[in-house]
């Protein structure tokens, strides 16, 4: 999975900059070299969060991704072992 160029602190900073209404969303996106779709996706995920909450959210998402990968690998190993055990030698 591709990693983000922006940290959680930077994302929250960009969203806070947009809420001040000094610039339009299009100008903010152009300034930070992101698409409007990315801005709105970030707003849906990180909108209203403080920096420490955003860090925690990102850490939990990373841990969840890692654990899902481990479960998938274990399920694959279990299926392989069952297949080997069912064969007649």
C-alpha atoms as a PDB file:
ATOM      1  CA  UNK A   1       0.000   0.000   0.000  1.00  0.00           C
ATOM      2  CA  UNK A   2       1.298   3.425  -0.888  1.00  0.00           C
ATOM      3  CA  UNK A   3       2.194   5.574   2.083  1.00  0.00           C
ATOM      4  CA  UNK A   4       1.061   9.144   2.452  1.00  0.00           C
ATOM      5  CA  UNK A   5       3.402  12.049   1.761  1.00  0.00           C
ATOM      6  CA  UNK A   6       1.783  13.873   4.655  1.00  0.00           C
ATOM      7  CA  UNK A   7       1.907  13.088   8.349  1.00  0.00           C
ATOM      8  CA  UNK A   8      -1.159  13.229  10.547  1.00  0.00           C
ATOM      9  CA  UNK A   9      -0.013  16.607  11.893  1.00  0.00           C
ATOM     10  CA  UNK A  10       0.296  18.031   8.391  1.00  0.00           C
ATOM     11  CA  UNK A  11      -3.130  16.751   7.373  1.00  0.00           C
ATOM     12  CA  UNK A  12      -4.776  18.291  10.444  1.00  0.00           C
ATOM     13  CA  UNK A  13      -2.896  21.534   9.756  1.00  0.00           C
ATOM     14  CA  UNK A  14      -4.165  21.655   6.170  1.00  0.00           C
ATOM     15  CA  UNK A  15      -7.722  20.970   7.308  1.00  0.00           C
ATOM     16  CA  UNK A  16      -7.477  23.671   9.989  1.00  0.00           C
ATOM     17  CA  UNK A  17      -6.153  26.104   7.404  1.00  0.00           C
ATOM     18  CA  UNK A  18      -9.182  25.392   5.267  1.00  0.00           C
ATOM     19  CA  UNK A  19     -11.613  25.907   8.141  1.00  0.00           C
ATOM     20  CA  UNK A  20     -10.255  29.413   8.699  1.00  0.00           C
ATOM     21  CA  UNK A  21     -11.755  30.265   5.291  1.00  0.00           C
ATOM     22  CA  UNK A  22      -8.846  32.491   4.282  1.00  0.00           C
ATOM     23  CA  UNK A  23      -8.517  30.554   1.024  1.00  0.00           C
ATOM     24  CA  UNK A  24     -10.904  28.468  -1.001  1.00  0.00           C
ATOM     25  CA  UNK A  25     -10.611  24.690  -1.027  1.00  0.00           C
ATOM     26  CA  UNK A  26      -9.257  24.791  -4.576  1.00  0.00           C
ATOM     27  CA  UNK A  27      -6.537  27.277  -3.595  1.00  0.00           C
ATOM     28  CA  UNK A  28      -5.527  25.210  -0.568  1.00  0.00           C
ATOM     29  CA  UNK A  29      -5.367  22.070  -2.685  1.00  0.00           C
ATOM     30  CA  UNK A  30      -3.241  23.829  -5.268  1.00  0.00           C
ATOM     31  CA  UNK A  31      -0.966  25.252  -2.553  1.00  0.00           C
ATOM     32  CA  UNK A  32      -0.330  21.832  -0.997  1.00  0.00           C
ATOM     33  CA  UNK A  33      -0.337  19.922  -4.311  1.00  0.00           C
ATOM     34  CA  UNK A  34      -3.260  17.640  -3.475  1.00  0.00           C
ATOM     35  CA  UNK A  35      -6.498  16.929  -5.272  1.00  0.00           C
ATOM     36  CA  UNK A  36      -9.850  18.110  -3.994  1.00  0.00           C
ATOM     37  CA  UNK A  37     -10.883  14.471  -3.664  1.00  0.00           C
ATOM     38  CA  UNK A  38      -7.954  13.918  -1.289  1.00  0.00           C
ATOM     39  CA  UNK A  39      -8.951  16.996   0.716  1.00  0.00           C
ATOM     40  CA  UNK A  40     -12.519  15.789   1.137  1.00  0.00           C
ATOM     41  CA  UNK A  41     -11.366  12.234   1.993  1.00  0.00           C
ATOM     42  CA  UNK A  42      -9.071  13.684   4.671  1.00  0.00           C
ATOM     43  CA  UNK A  43     -11.897  15.874   5.972  1.00  0.00           C
ATOM     44  CA  UNK A  44     -14.143  12.826   6.271  1.00  0.00           C
ATOM     45  CA  UNK A  45     -11.434  10.843   8.102  1.00  0.00           C
ATOM     46  CA  UNK A  46      -9.684  13.539  10.159  1.00  0.00           C
ATOM     47  CA  UNK A  47     -12.269  16.336  10.335  1.00  0.00           C
ATOM     48  CA  UNK A  48     -12.624  17.716  13.846  1.00  0.00           C
ATOM     49  CA  UNK A  49      -9.656  15.795  15.246  1.00  0.00           C
ATOM     50  CA  UNK A  50      -6.778  17.316  17.128  1.00  0.00           C
ATOM     51  CA  UNK A  51      -3.181  16.430  16.226  1.00  0.00           C
ATOM     52  CA  UNK A  52      -2.749  13.836  18.992  1.00  0.00           C
ATOM     53  CA  UNK A  53      -6.047  12.180  18.086  1.00  0.00           C
ATOM     54  CA  UNK A  54      -5.018  12.026  14.415  1.00  0.00           C
ATOM     55  CA  UNK A  55      -1.697  10.414  15.372  1.00  0.00           C
ATOM     56  CA  UNK A  56      -3.528   7.825  17.451  1.00  0.00           C
ATOM     57  CA  UNK A  57      -5.983   7.127  14.635  1.00  0.00           C
ATOM     58  CA  UNK A  58      -3.165   6.587  12.133  1.00  0.00           C
ATOM     59  CA  UNK A  59      -1.312   4.299  14.573  1.00  0.00           C
ATOM     60  CA  UNK A  60      -4.454   2.221  15.127  1.00  0.00           C
ATOM     61  CA  UNK A  61      -5.045   1.941  11.377  1.00  0.00           C
ATOM     62  CA  UNK A  62      -1.455   0.749  10.873  1.00  0.00           C
ATOM     63  CA  UNK A  63      -1.777  -1.809  13.664  1.00  0.00           C
ATOM     64  CA  UNK A  64      -5.102  -3.034  12.273  1.00  0.00           C
ATOM     65  CA  UNK A  65      -3.545  -3.435   8.806  1.00  0.00           C
ATOM     66  CA  UNK A  66      -0.642  -5.422  10.280  1.00  0.00           C
ATOM     67  CA  UNK A  67      -2.944  -7.694  12.292  1.00  0.00           C
ATOM     68  CA  UNK A  68      -5.197  -8.378   9.301  1.00  0.00           C
ATOM     69  CA  UNK A  69      -2.136  -9.403   7.318  1.00  0.00           C
ATOM     70  CA  UNK A  70      -1.078 -11.809  10.087  1.00  0.00           C
ATOM     71  CA  UNK A  71      -4.552 -13.370  10.246  1.00  0.00           C
ATOM     72  CA  UNK A  72      -4.615 -13.825   6.468  1.00  0.00           C
ATOM     73  CA  UNK A  73      -1.199 -15.519   6.516  1.00  0.00           C
ATOM     74  CA  UNK A  74      -2.244 -17.831   9.351  1.00  0.00           C
ATOM     75  CA  UNK A  75      -5.467 -18.742   7.565  1.00  0.00           C
ATOM     76  CA  UNK A  76      -3.467 -19.598   4.463  1.00  0.00           C
ATOM     77  CA  UNK A  77      -1.063 -21.753   6.493  1.00  0.00           C
ATOM     78  CA  UNK A  78      -3.974 -23.513   8.180  1.00  0.00           C
ATOM     79  CA  UNK A  79      -5.655 -24.241   4.850  1.00  0.00           C
ATOM     80  CA  UNK A  80      -2.389 -25.607   3.469  1.00  0.00           C
ATOM     81  CA  UNK A  81      -1.906 -27.892   6.489  1.00  0.00           C
ATOM     82  CA  UNK A  82      -5.485 -29.183   6.227  1.00  0.00           C
ATOM     83  CA  UNK A  83      -4.950 -29.923   2.558  1.00  0.00           C
ATOM     84  CA  UNK A  84      -1.765 -31.861   3.299  1.00  0.00           C
ATOM     85  CA  UNK A  85      -3.427 -33.777   6.169  1.00  0.00           C
ATOM     86  CA  UNK A  86      -6.363 -34.839   3.975  1.00  0.00           C
ATOM     87  CA  UNK A  87      -4.192 -36.397   1.284  1.00  0.00           C
ATOM     88  CA  UNK A  88      -3.818 -40.163   1.181  1.00  0.00           C
ATOM     89  CA  UNK A  89      -0.226 -41.241   1.108  1.00  0.00           C
END
